[in-house]
Amino acid sequence: MAICTTAVLVVLLGGQVVAFGGIAAVAGFSAGFLGSVFSSLVSNARTFFMVLVSILVCTLFPLQWIAFLCGFVLISWAAFDGYKNGGFATVPALNGLLLYLLIPPDERIAVHVLVFLAAATVGSLLSVRLNLAGSAIRPPMSFKEAISVWLFLIVGMSLTSFLAHVIGNQKSYWLSLLFVFRVLAPLQKVPDAALRFGVGVALGSLAALCFEFSGLSHQVLLIFGFASAVIGVHRIGGNTLWTAMFFTIATLLVTAPTIEFAVFRIEAAAMIVFVVGGLSFVISWCWEQIETRSGN
């Protein structure tokens, strides 16, 4: 309740400060809070500085290739940080950048950067206050796992960003959000984990649609969205299906709570499942071939 209430208040206040301030607040709070949960405070501060610089650059130079370059730097750091320390602060930070990119390029101003910074600070302090900072730190990844995560994110982010660009709607960036959340759950061999992820995304999309048809206010949907994100974090490390379902509900209710995108979201969910399953299969197959040849 503390997390959901604080998150909603931060987002609503951000929306009062400036147009699209709510989106910047969601981006900052998620990056600050989840980054603290999945990493040490020092590592999170380092990572957050990188994403803050990325957001500032994307505000000053709202070009597609600039956003891709910032994403590449953050993804590379995610793999390195996971390999050295087991920290996963970069994945929520990457999601923060993607959320920020939901703001149309011609609408991004310096105030949005300040709202992002303030919301992230609140999120980080809240994680410390609730004794959740560093509670989900994992053991350092092996070289193989780090390379797998790097490839998975680089190729997947490129594909989903390309799809968002082709679709031509700014809201389509949440395609990449759904994809990136897959990395928070441990990467397992396919097809089992990929199938569970796909079923979870489909169930989450349908659940979000039911919430929207219920006629609840935007504020109530926000509360449900953040509550789903909290449950999703709690389920990480368990069954991928439930993790994917709750993160999907959170992503859709917080970033695109409108019925008009309902059919498109179901189609997009199918795209994400295909990308996740295909990428996981190809990466696993490549490692098997490399290990077989090394053994020979």
Protein backbone atom coordinates (compact mmCIF):
# COMPACT_ATOMS: atom_id res chain seq x y z
CA MET A 1 0.00 0.00 0.00
CA ALA A 2 2.85 2.39 0.79
CA ILE A 3 4.46 1.75 -2.60
CA CYS A 4 1.23 2.11 -4.58
CA THR A 5 0.09 5.22 -2.72
CA THR A 6 3.45 6.96 -3.08
CA ALA A 7 3.72 6.04 -6.76
CA VAL A 8 0.25 7.34 -7.58
CA LEU A 9 0.83 10.60 -5.69
CA VAL A 10 4.16 11.14 -7.48
CA VAL A 11 2.59 10.49 -10.88
CA LEU A 12 -0.42 12.72 -10.25
CA LEU A 13 1.81 15.54 -8.97
CA GLY A 14 4.06 15.15 -12.00
CA GLY A 15 1.04 15.52 -14.24
CA GLN A 16 0.11 18.76 -12.48
CA VAL A 17 3.57 20.27 -12.93
CA VAL A 18 3.79 19.99 -16.72
CA ALA A 19 2.11 18.30 -19.66
CA PHE A 20 3.31 14.67 -19.91
CA GLY A 21 4.83 15.12 -16.46
CA GLY A 22 2.98 12.02 -15.32
CA ILE A 23 4.89 9.90 -17.83
CA ALA A 24 8.22 11.37 -16.70
CA ALA A 25 7.22 10.66 -13.08
CA VAL A 26 6.33 7.02 -13.85
CA ALA A 27 9.66 6.63 -15.63
CA GLY A 28 11.64 8.13 -12.76
CA PHE A 29 9.83 6.33 -9.95
CA SER A 30 10.13 2.92 -11.60
CA ALA A 31 13.81 3.45 -12.37
CA GLY A 32 14.62 4.71 -8.87
CA PHE A 33 12.56 2.22 -6.87
CA LEU A 34 13.19 -0.97 -8.89
CA GLY A 35 16.82 -0.02 -9.47
CA SER A 36 17.34 0.15 -5.70
CA VAL A 37 15.60 -3.20 -5.19
CA PHE A 38 17.72 -5.00 -7.78
CA SER A 39 21.09 -3.49 -6.94
CA SER A 40 23.22 -1.88 -4.26
CA LEU A 41 22.72 1.82 -3.62
CA VAL A 42 26.15 2.66 -5.05
CA SER A 43 25.58 0.65 -8.22
CA ASN A 44 22.09 2.06 -8.56
CA ALA A 45 23.35 5.64 -8.20
CA ARG A 46 25.96 5.00 -10.90
CA THR A 47 23.40 3.46 -13.22
CA PHE A 48 20.85 6.17 -12.52
CA PHE A 49 23.37 8.85 -13.43
CA MET A 50 23.85 7.13 -16.79
CA VAL A 51 20.12 6.98 -17.52
CA LEU A 52 19.68 10.59 -16.39
CA VAL A 53 22.35 11.67 -18.86
CA SER A 54 20.64 9.55 -21.54
CA ILE A 55 17.30 11.22 -20.87
CA LEU A 56 18.88 14.67 -20.94
CA VAL A 57 20.52 13.84 -24.28
CA CYS A 58 17.22 12.53 -25.68
CA THR A 59 15.55 15.78 -24.58
CA LEU A 60 18.18 18.03 -26.14
CA PHE A 61 18.49 15.91 -29.30
CA PRO A 62 15.11 14.18 -29.88
CA LEU A 63 16.38 11.97 -32.71
CA GLN A 64 15.70 8.27 -33.22
CA TRP A 65 19.36 7.27 -33.60
CA ILE A 66 20.27 9.15 -30.41
CA ALA A 67 17.71 7.10 -28.47
CA PHE A 68 19.09 3.89 -30.01
CA LEU A 69 22.64 4.89 -29.04
CA CYS A 70 21.60 5.59 -25.43
CA GLY A 71 19.81 2.25 -25.32
CA PHE A 72 22.91 0.47 -26.63
CA VAL A 73 25.10 2.03 -23.91
CA LEU A 74 22.65 1.09 -21.14
CA ILE A 75 22.24 -2.48 -22.44
CA SER A 76 26.01 -2.95 -22.61
CA TRP A 77 26.34 -1.64 -19.06
CA ALA A 78 23.53 -3.98 -17.93
CA ALA A 79 25.47 -7.03 -19.13
CA PHE A 80 28.75 -5.78 -17.63
CA ASP A 81 27.21 -4.83 -14.28
CA GLY A 82 25.43 -8.19 -14.04
CA TYR A 83 28.69 -9.99 -14.81
CA LYS A 84 30.76 -8.04 -12.27
CA ASN A 85 28.33 -7.51 -9.40
CA GLY A 86 25.07 -9.29 -10.14
CA GLY A 87 23.32 -5.91 -10.10
CA PHE A 88 20.29 -5.47 -12.32
CA ALA A 89 19.63 -1.77 -11.79
CA THR A 90 20.16 -1.12 -15.50
CA VAL A 91 17.07 -3.08 -16.55
CA PRO A 92 14.65 -0.83 -14.59
CA ALA A 93 16.75 2.14 -15.73
CA LEU A 94 16.32 1.02 -19.33
CA ASN A 95 12.59 0.78 -18.72
CA GLY A 96 12.72 4.30 -17.31
CA LEU A 97 14.28 5.51 -20.55
CA LEU A 98 11.64 3.69 -22.61
CA LEU A 99 8.84 5.17 -20.52
CA TYR A 100 10.34 8.61 -20.99
CA LEU A 101 10.36 8.06 -24.76
CA LEU A 102 6.56 7.79 -24.60
CA ILE A 103 6.65 11.59 -24.40
CA PRO A 104 6.47 12.93 -27.99
CA PRO A 105 9.89 14.24 -29.13
CA ASP A 106 8.64 17.80 -29.73
CA GLU A 107 7.11 17.94 -26.22
CA ARG A 108 10.21 17.00 -24.20
CA ILE A 109 11.56 19.92 -22.16
CA ALA A 110 14.01 20.40 -19.28
CA VAL A 111 11.18 20.30 -16.70
CA HIS A 112 10.52 16.66 -17.63
CA VAL A 113 14.11 15.80 -16.72
CA LEU A 114 13.64 17.46 -13.31
CA VAL A 115 10.36 15.58 -12.75
CA PHE A 116 12.14 12.33 -13.65
CA LEU A 117 14.94 13.10 -11.19
CA ALA A 118 12.55 14.02 -8.37
CA ALA A 119 10.39 10.91 -8.89
CA ALA A 120 13.46 8.65 -8.99
CA THR A 121 14.75 10.18 -5.75
CA VAL A 122 11.42 9.51 -4.05
CA GLY A 123 11.43 5.92 -5.37
CA SER A 124 14.96 5.26 -4.11
CA LEU A 125 14.27 6.76 -0.68
CA LEU A 126 11.08 4.71 -0.40
CA SER A 127 12.96 1.47 -1.08
CA VAL A 128 15.43 2.38 1.69
CA ARG A 129 12.61 3.33 4.08
CA LEU A 130 10.88 -0.03 3.51
CA ASN A 131 14.17 -1.96 3.82
CA LEU A 132 13.84 -3.21 0.24
CA ALA A 133 17.05 -1.70 -1.14
CA GLY A 134 19.26 -4.47 -2.48
CA SER A 135 16.73 -7.16 -1.52
CA ALA A 136 16.73 -8.74 -5.00
CA ILE A 137 20.47 -8.66 -5.77
CA ARG A 138 21.54 -11.82 -7.58
CA PRO A 139 24.89 -13.61 -7.70
CA PRO A 140 27.18 -12.31 -10.47
CA MET A 141 26.31 -13.76 -13.86
CA SER A 142 28.65 -16.07 -15.73
CA PHE A 143 30.27 -14.82 -18.93
CA LYS A 144 27.82 -16.94 -20.92
CA GLU A 145 24.80 -15.49 -19.09
CA ALA A 146 26.07 -11.93 -19.50
CA ILE A 147 26.59 -12.37 -23.25
CA SER A 148 23.17 -14.03 -23.53
CA VAL A 149 21.48 -11.10 -21.77
CA TRP A 150 23.39 -8.61 -23.93
CA LEU A 151 22.38 -10.34 -27.17
CA PHE A 152 18.81 -10.85 -25.98
CA LEU A 153 18.41 -7.15 -25.15
CA ILE A 154 20.27 -5.74 -28.15
CA VAL A 155 18.41 -7.79 -30.76
CA GLY A 156 15.06 -7.70 -28.97
CA MET A 157 15.17 -3.96 -28.33
CA SER A 158 16.11 -3.32 -31.96
CA LEU A 159 13.21 -5.44 -33.21
CA THR A 160 10.58 -4.02 -30.85
CA SER A 161 11.76 -0.43 -31.43
CA PHE A 162 11.60 -1.05 -35.17
CA LEU A 163 8.04 -2.38 -34.79
CA ALA A 164 7.10 0.68 -32.74
CA HIS A 165 8.60 2.92 -35.44
CA VAL A 166 6.70 1.10 -38.21
CA ILE A 167 3.43 1.26 -36.27
CA GLY A 168 4.05 4.98 -35.95
CA ASN A 169 2.32 5.58 -32.61
CA GLN A 170 4.38 6.96 -29.73
CA LYS A 171 2.57 4.64 -27.31
CA SER A 172 3.97 1.67 -29.23
CA TYR A 173 7.19 1.95 -27.23
CA TRP A 174 5.52 -0.10 -24.51
CA LEU A 175 6.21 -3.05 -26.84
CA SER A 176 9.82 -2.68 -25.76
CA LEU A 177 8.73 -2.30 -22.12
CA LEU A 178 6.99 -5.67 -22.18
CA PHE A 179 10.05 -7.22 -23.77
CA VAL A 180 12.59 -5.76 -21.35
CA PHE A 181 10.63 -6.94 -18.30
CA ARG A 182 11.32 -10.51 -19.46
CA VAL A 183 14.97 -10.03 -18.44
CA LEU A 184 14.05 -9.34 -14.81
CA ALA A 185 12.93 -12.96 -14.53
CA PRO A 186 15.86 -15.39 -14.79
CA LEU A 187 16.63 -16.34 -18.39
CA GLN A 188 15.97 -20.03 -18.73
CA LYS A 189 16.25 -22.40 -21.63
CA VAL A 190 13.41 -22.43 -24.13
CA PRO A 191 10.80 -23.36 -25.12
CA ASP A 192 9.32 -23.85 -21.64
CA ALA A 193 10.06 -20.39 -20.16
CA ALA A 194 9.21 -18.60 -23.41
CA LEU A 195 5.86 -20.39 -23.59
CA ARG A 196 5.00 -19.45 -19.99
CA PHE A 197 6.02 -15.86 -20.72
CA GLY A 198 3.72 -15.80 -23.76
CA VAL A 199 0.75 -17.15 -21.86
CA GLY A 200 1.40 -14.61 -19.07
CA VAL A 201 1.50 -11.68 -21.52
CA ALA A 202 -1.76 -12.83 -23.12
CA LEU A 203 -3.50 -13.21 -19.74
CA GLY A 204 -2.16 -9.83 -18.61
CA SER A 205 -3.45 -8.13 -21.76
CA LEU A 206 -6.92 -9.62 -21.26
CA ALA A 207 -6.96 -8.67 -17.57
CA ALA A 208 -5.96 -5.07 -18.38
CA LEU A 209 -8.74 -4.96 -20.98
CA CYS A 210 -11.30 -6.12 -18.38
CA PHE A 211 -10.14 -3.40 -15.96
CA GLU A 212 -10.55 -0.76 -18.67
CA PHE A 213 -14.06 -1.92 -19.64
CA SER A 214 -15.09 -1.72 -15.98
CA GLY A 215 -15.28 2.07 -16.24
CA LEU A 216 -12.91 2.74 -13.32
CA SER A 217 -11.26 6.15 -13.09
CA HIS A 218 -7.72 6.80 -14.30
CA GLN A 219 -6.49 7.15 -10.70
CA VAL A 220 -7.91 3.75 -9.72
CA LEU A 221 -6.37 2.13 -12.80
CA LEU A 222 -3.04 3.66 -11.81
CA ILE A 223 -3.31 2.09 -8.35
CA PHE A 224 -4.12 -1.30 -9.87
CA GLY A 225 -1.21 -0.87 -12.28
CA PHE A 226 1.36 -0.13 -9.59
CA ALA A 227 -0.08 -2.88 -7.36
CA SER A 228 0.43 -5.33 -10.24
CA ALA A 229 4.02 -4.15 -10.64
CA VAL A 230 4.67 -4.75 -6.93
CA ILE A 231 3.21 -8.27 -7.16
CA GLY A 232 5.26 -8.86 -10.32
CA VAL A 233 8.46 -7.95 -8.49
CA HIS A 234 7.48 -10.28 -5.65
CA ARG A 235 6.94 -13.15 -8.13
CA ILE A 236 10.32 -12.77 -9.86
CA GLY A 237 12.34 -15.95 -9.57
CA GLY A 238 9.23 -18.12 -9.54
CA ASN A 239 6.90 -19.10 -12.36
CA THR A 240 7.54 -16.86 -15.38
CA LEU A 241 3.84 -16.95 -16.29
CA TRP A 242 2.70 -14.98 -13.23
CA THR A 243 5.62 -12.56 -13.43
CA ALA A 244 4.81 -11.79 -17.08
CA MET A 245 1.09 -11.47 -16.38
CA PHE A 246 1.43 -8.95 -13.54
CA PHE A 247 4.09 -6.88 -15.31
CA THR A 248 1.91 -6.80 -18.44
CA ILE A 249 -1.09 -5.56 -16.43
CA ALA A 250 1.13 -2.92 -14.81
CA THR A 251 2.62 -1.76 -18.11
CA LEU A 252 -0.73 -1.44 -19.87
CA LEU A 253 -2.67 0.19 -17.04
CA VAL A 254 0.05 2.74 -16.29
CA THR A 255 1.20 3.62 -19.83
CA ALA A 256 -1.76 2.96 -22.14
CA PRO A 257 -5.03 2.68 -20.19
CA THR A 258 -7.39 3.19 -23.14
CA ILE A 259 -9.85 0.82 -24.78
CA GLU A 260 -9.09 2.23 -28.24
CA PHE A 261 -5.74 0.39 -28.29
CA ALA A 262 -7.24 -2.89 -27.06
CA VAL A 263 -7.16 -4.88 -30.31
CA PHE A 264 -3.75 -3.50 -31.20
CA ARG A 265 -2.41 -4.53 -27.79
CA ILE A 266 -3.55 -8.13 -28.29
CA GLU A 267 -1.74 -8.19 -31.64
CA ALA A 268 1.32 -6.58 -30.09
CA ALA A 269 1.34 -9.14 -27.27
CA ALA A 270 1.53 -11.86 -29.92
CA MET A 271 4.49 -10.03 -31.52
CA ILE A 272 6.32 -9.89 -28.18
CA VAL A 273 5.74 -13.59 -27.54
CA PHE A 274 7.11 -14.41 -30.98
CA VAL A 275 10.19 -12.21 -30.48
CA VAL A 276 10.93 -13.60 -27.00
CA GLY A 277 10.44 -17.23 -28.05
CA GLY A 278 12.42 -16.88 -31.26
CA LEU A 279 15.32 -15.03 -29.65
CA SER A 280 15.54 -17.42 -26.72
CA PHE A 281 15.57 -20.40 -29.05
CA VAL A 282 18.24 -18.95 -31.35
CA ILE A 283 20.54 -17.91 -28.46
CA SER A 284 20.20 -21.31 -26.76
CA TRP A 285 20.83 -23.12 -30.05
CA CYS A 286 23.95 -21.03 -30.74
CA TRP A 287 25.39 -21.80 -27.28
CA GLU A 288 24.72 -25.50 -27.78
CA GLN A 289 26.59 -25.43 -31.08
CA ILE A 290 29.52 -23.55 -29.55
CA GLU A 291 29.72 -25.91 -26.56
CA THR A 292 29.49 -28.98 -28.81
CA ARG A 293 32.34 -27.77 -31.00
CA SER A 294 34.40 -26.79 -27.96
CA GLY A 295 33.92 -30.27 -26.53
CA ASN A 296 35.02 -31.82 -29.81
